[in-house]
Amino acid sequence: MMMKKILLMVAAVSAIAVAEAPQEAVTLRMNLEKGQAYASKVNVQVDFSGQTVNVTSKSITTVKSAENGVFVLESAQSEMMIDMGGGQTMEQPDSTLTITQNAMGKILKVEGDMVTEEASRLMNAFNFFYPEKAVKAGDKWETTIAADKDLGTRELTIKYEMVEVKDWKGKKVAVLKVDHTESGEMPISVSGTVAVEIKTGMPMMMDLAFKNMPQMGMTFDGTWKTEAIL
């Protein structure tokens, strides 16, 4: 009986300690150095008239410059393969974009042969925007990213929730729920989970569902998954 009471007391004290343990608040910012490079694998599934189209590729992001809180990133896509199902596959040519962003994640400029208004809208909708202040598990916030006529992007409403800080493949990451929705007709919407490395601010993992992805005058729904190659 005495041992049972002791065990119950230990359990109660442990529960209180867990409940009262301070949550860790973290500041998330893009914090990169020139020359750093990050590789990730990308898997996109698109619903095309009831048929699932699978697109896989490899992405390498290289920091070309990092000065005064402005970062110029070269994003190179390679090994892109479109699988239409039934053994139908199509290889796609490599492509490169140069994206300029500030420390808060705002896209300032996009350059490259493949840059279109549709591409700019997609990059903005799938972008990660860093919170203004330190956040901890349970924090929620919402803000609006203004439209940019020069980029061709629409106003974007973003809603975030901080889930946890954890170790992900040896890196300390912040895990967040994200929800992005454009303004206007047939708006792109993106929702899901993102894991951001706290040290660099780089997304290590994205698991997202999207609607109304514009492509060649049509719109598509599907999923978008990326994972850093470490």
Protein backbone atom coordinates (compact mmCIF):
# COMPACT_ATOMS: atom_id res chain seq x y z
CA MET A 1 0.00 0.00 0.00
CA MET A 2 2.82 2.39 0.92
CA MET A 3 4.60 1.67 -2.38
CA LYS A 4 1.38 2.36 -4.30
CA LYS A 5 1.00 5.76 -2.58
CA ILE A 6 4.61 6.65 -3.36
CA LEU A 7 4.14 5.74 -7.02
CA LEU A 8 0.95 7.81 -7.20
CA MET A 9 2.76 10.77 -5.64
CA VAL A 10 5.64 10.50 -8.12
CA ALA A 11 3.19 10.35 -11.01
CA ALA A 12 1.33 13.43 -9.73
CA VAL A 13 4.52 15.45 -9.26
CA SER A 14 5.75 14.43 -12.69
CA ALA A 15 2.48 15.54 -14.28
CA ILE A 16 2.71 18.94 -12.58
CA ALA A 17 6.33 19.33 -13.67
CA VAL A 18 5.41 18.59 -17.28
CA ALA A 19 2.44 20.95 -17.19
CA GLU A 20 4.49 23.78 -15.70
CA ALA A 21 7.61 23.28 -17.82
CA PRO A 22 8.19 26.48 -19.81
CA GLN A 23 7.64 26.16 -23.53
CA GLU A 24 10.55 27.14 -25.73
CA ALA A 25 9.99 30.29 -27.78
CA VAL A 26 12.07 30.51 -30.95
CA THR A 27 12.78 33.30 -33.40
CA LEU A 28 12.55 32.23 -37.03
CA ARG A 29 14.37 34.19 -39.71
CA MET A 30 16.16 33.52 -42.96
CA ASN A 31 19.76 33.36 -41.75
CA LEU A 32 22.03 32.21 -44.56
CA GLU A 33 25.62 32.65 -45.72
CA LYS A 34 26.96 32.98 -49.23
CA GLY A 35 27.91 29.62 -50.69
CA GLN A 36 25.55 27.49 -48.63
CA ALA A 37 23.58 24.94 -50.64
CA TYR A 38 20.54 22.84 -49.82
CA ALA A 39 19.22 19.88 -51.77
CA SER A 40 15.74 18.44 -51.49
CA LYS A 41 13.55 15.90 -53.21
CA VAL A 42 10.18 17.06 -54.48
CA ASN A 43 7.06 14.98 -55.06
CA VAL A 44 3.92 16.56 -56.49
CA GLN A 45 0.70 14.68 -57.16
CA VAL A 46 -1.92 16.37 -59.32
CA ASP A 47 -5.51 15.35 -59.98
CA PHE A 48 -5.95 15.60 -63.77
CA SER A 49 -9.52 14.78 -64.81
CA GLY A 50 -9.75 12.04 -62.20
CA GLN A 51 -6.30 10.67 -63.01
CA THR A 52 -3.36 11.09 -60.64
CA VAL A 53 -0.26 12.55 -62.27
CA ASN A 54 2.95 12.19 -60.25
CA VAL A 55 5.83 14.64 -60.70
CA THR A 56 9.21 14.04 -59.05
CA SER A 57 12.34 16.17 -59.16
CA LYS A 58 15.43 17.25 -57.29
CA SER A 59 15.90 20.85 -56.17
CA ILE A 60 19.18 22.49 -55.19
CA THR A 61 19.09 25.95 -53.63
CA THR A 62 22.40 27.84 -53.54
CA VAL A 63 22.96 31.10 -51.70
CA LYS A 64 24.58 33.41 -54.26
CA SER A 65 24.76 36.42 -51.93
CA ALA A 66 23.73 37.37 -48.40
CA GLU A 67 24.08 41.05 -47.58
CA ASN A 68 22.19 43.38 -45.25
CA GLY A 69 19.36 40.94 -44.69
CA VAL A 70 18.76 40.36 -48.41
CA PHE A 71 19.41 36.90 -49.87
CA VAL A 72 19.81 35.95 -53.52
CA LEU A 73 19.05 32.27 -54.00
CA GLU A 74 19.58 30.19 -57.12
CA SER A 75 17.03 27.39 -57.35
CA ALA A 76 17.97 24.63 -59.79
CA GLN A 77 15.44 21.91 -60.68
CA SER A 78 16.75 18.67 -62.19
CA GLU A 79 15.81 15.02 -62.74
CA MET A 80 12.19 16.01 -63.28
CA MET A 81 9.95 13.15 -64.32
CA ILE A 82 6.21 13.21 -65.01
CA ASP A 83 4.44 9.88 -64.51
CA MET A 84 1.01 9.82 -66.15
CA GLY A 85 0.33 6.26 -65.00
CA GLY A 86 0.10 3.16 -67.12
CA GLY A 87 3.80 3.29 -67.90
CA GLN A 88 3.60 6.74 -69.50
CA THR A 89 6.50 8.88 -68.32
CA MET A 90 8.03 12.10 -69.61
CA GLU A 91 11.39 13.60 -68.70
CA GLN A 92 11.49 17.37 -68.38
CA PRO A 93 14.42 19.71 -69.03
CA ASP A 94 16.37 21.21 -66.13
CA SER A 95 15.50 24.76 -65.13
CA THR A 96 16.94 27.49 -62.93
CA LEU A 97 15.38 30.46 -61.18
CA THR A 98 17.00 33.21 -59.15
CA ILE A 99 14.92 34.44 -56.22
CA THR A 100 15.70 37.46 -54.05
CA GLN A 101 14.17 37.46 -50.56
CA ASN A 102 14.50 39.41 -47.34
CA ALA A 103 15.04 37.91 -43.88
CA MET A 104 11.28 37.73 -43.28
CA GLY A 105 10.81 35.59 -46.39
CA LYS A 106 9.19 38.22 -48.62
CA ILE A 107 9.99 37.63 -52.29
CA LEU A 108 11.51 40.78 -53.76
CA LYS A 109 12.46 39.61 -57.24
CA VAL A 110 12.28 36.51 -59.43
CA GLU A 111 14.48 36.04 -62.51
CA GLY A 112 14.77 33.25 -65.06
CA ASP A 113 13.54 31.92 -68.39
CA MET A 114 10.56 30.18 -66.81
CA VAL A 115 9.26 33.23 -64.93
CA THR A 116 5.59 33.92 -65.64
CA GLU A 117 2.80 35.48 -63.61
CA GLU A 118 1.52 31.96 -62.87
CA ALA A 119 4.97 30.90 -61.64
CA SER A 120 5.26 34.00 -59.43
CA ARG A 121 1.83 33.37 -57.90
CA LEU A 122 2.80 29.77 -57.16
CA MET A 123 6.10 30.72 -55.54
CA ASN A 124 4.35 33.29 -53.38
CA ALA A 125 1.55 30.90 -52.36
CA PHE A 126 4.00 28.12 -51.42
CA ASN A 127 6.49 30.47 -49.74
CA PHE A 128 7.15 30.50 -46.00
CA PHE A 129 6.76 33.86 -44.27
CA TYR A 130 8.58 34.22 -40.95
CA PRO A 131 6.74 35.47 -37.84
CA GLU A 132 7.46 38.99 -36.56
CA LYS A 133 8.28 37.80 -33.03
CA ALA A 134 9.45 34.70 -31.20
CA VAL A 135 6.82 31.94 -31.11
CA LYS A 136 6.20 28.87 -28.99
CA ALA A 137 4.00 25.78 -29.22
CA GLY A 138 0.34 26.72 -29.35
CA ASP A 139 0.86 30.25 -30.71
CA LYS A 140 -1.37 31.23 -33.64
CA TRP A 141 -1.16 34.27 -35.88
CA GLU A 142 -2.62 35.63 -39.07
CA THR A 143 -1.54 38.38 -41.44
CA THR A 144 -1.91 39.58 -45.02
CA ILE A 145 0.86 39.76 -47.63
CA ALA A 146 0.14 42.61 -50.02
CA ALA A 147 -0.20 42.04 -53.75
CA ASP A 148 2.84 42.95 -55.85
CA LYS A 149 2.12 44.24 -59.35
CA ASP A 150 5.76 43.97 -60.41
CA LEU A 151 5.88 40.30 -59.45
CA GLY A 152 2.34 39.59 -60.60
CA THR A 153 1.28 38.21 -57.21
CA ARG A 154 -2.09 38.60 -55.51
CA GLU A 155 -2.87 39.54 -51.94
CA LEU A 156 -2.27 36.50 -49.74
CA THR A 157 -3.85 35.75 -46.35
CA ILE A 158 -1.62 33.54 -44.20
CA LYS A 159 -2.56 31.70 -41.00
CA TYR A 160 0.05 29.86 -38.94
CA GLU A 161 0.12 27.75 -35.81
CA MET A 162 3.31 26.76 -34.02
CA VAL A 163 3.09 23.05 -33.19
CA GLU A 164 6.42 22.10 -31.62
CA VAL A 165 10.18 22.30 -31.62
CA LYS A 166 11.84 18.95 -32.25
CA ASP A 167 14.86 17.17 -33.65
CA TRP A 168 14.49 16.20 -37.31
CA LYS A 169 17.32 14.11 -38.73
CA GLY A 170 19.84 15.80 -36.44
CA LYS A 171 18.55 19.33 -37.03
CA LYS A 172 16.51 21.43 -34.61
CA VAL A 173 13.32 22.44 -36.38
CA ALA A 174 10.12 24.31 -35.68
CA VAL A 175 7.03 22.49 -36.92
CA LEU A 176 4.14 24.72 -38.02
CA LYS A 177 0.69 24.32 -39.51
CA VAL A 178 0.25 26.71 -42.44
CA ASP A 179 -2.76 27.95 -44.38
CA HIS A 180 -2.35 30.35 -47.34
CA THR A 181 -5.18 31.70 -49.50
CA GLU A 182 -5.00 34.19 -52.35
CA SER A 183 -7.59 36.85 -53.04
CA GLY A 184 -9.60 37.03 -56.28
CA GLU A 185 -11.24 34.45 -58.50
CA MET A 186 -10.01 30.84 -58.44
CA PRO A 187 -7.50 31.60 -55.69
CA ILE A 188 -4.56 29.32 -55.00
CA SER A 189 -4.87 27.83 -51.51
CA VAL A 190 -2.21 25.85 -49.68
CA SER A 191 -2.44 24.12 -46.30
CA GLY A 192 -0.46 21.57 -44.35
CA THR A 193 2.73 21.25 -42.29
CA VAL A 194 6.15 22.83 -42.63
CA ALA A 195 9.31 22.07 -40.61
CA VAL A 196 11.78 24.98 -40.57
CA GLU A 197 15.37 24.69 -39.39
CA ILE A 198 15.74 27.18 -36.55
CA LYS A 199 19.42 27.93 -37.26
CA THR A 200 19.05 28.88 -40.94
CA GLY A 201 15.33 29.39 -41.45
CA MET A 202 15.35 26.92 -44.34
CA PRO A 203 12.34 24.60 -44.74
CA MET A 204 13.49 21.03 -44.16
CA MET A 205 10.13 19.44 -44.91
CA MET A 206 6.82 20.47 -46.47
CA ASP A 207 3.69 18.34 -46.58
CA LEU A 208 1.00 20.43 -48.27
CA ALA A 209 -2.31 20.12 -50.06
CA PHE A 210 -3.17 22.72 -52.69
CA LYS A 211 -6.16 23.85 -54.74
CA ASN A 212 -6.42 25.87 -57.94
CA MET A 213 -2.79 25.57 -59.05
CA PRO A 214 -2.77 27.53 -62.35
CA GLN A 215 -1.11 25.87 -65.31
CA MET A 216 -1.61 26.66 -69.00
CA GLY A 217 -5.02 28.22 -68.49
CA MET A 218 -6.28 25.40 -66.27
CA THR A 219 -6.29 24.83 -62.52
CA PHE A 220 -5.40 21.68 -60.60
CA ASP A 221 -5.70 20.28 -57.08
CA GLY A 222 -3.17 17.99 -55.47
CA THR A 223 -0.40 17.54 -52.92
CA TRP A 224 3.12 18.95 -52.66
CA LYS A 225 5.81 17.26 -50.58
CA THR A 226 9.46 18.22 -50.19
CA GLU A 227 12.15 16.80 -47.93
CA ALA A 228 15.72 17.94 -47.47
CA ILE A 229 18.45 15.55 -48.59
CA LEU A 230 20.96 15.49 -45.75
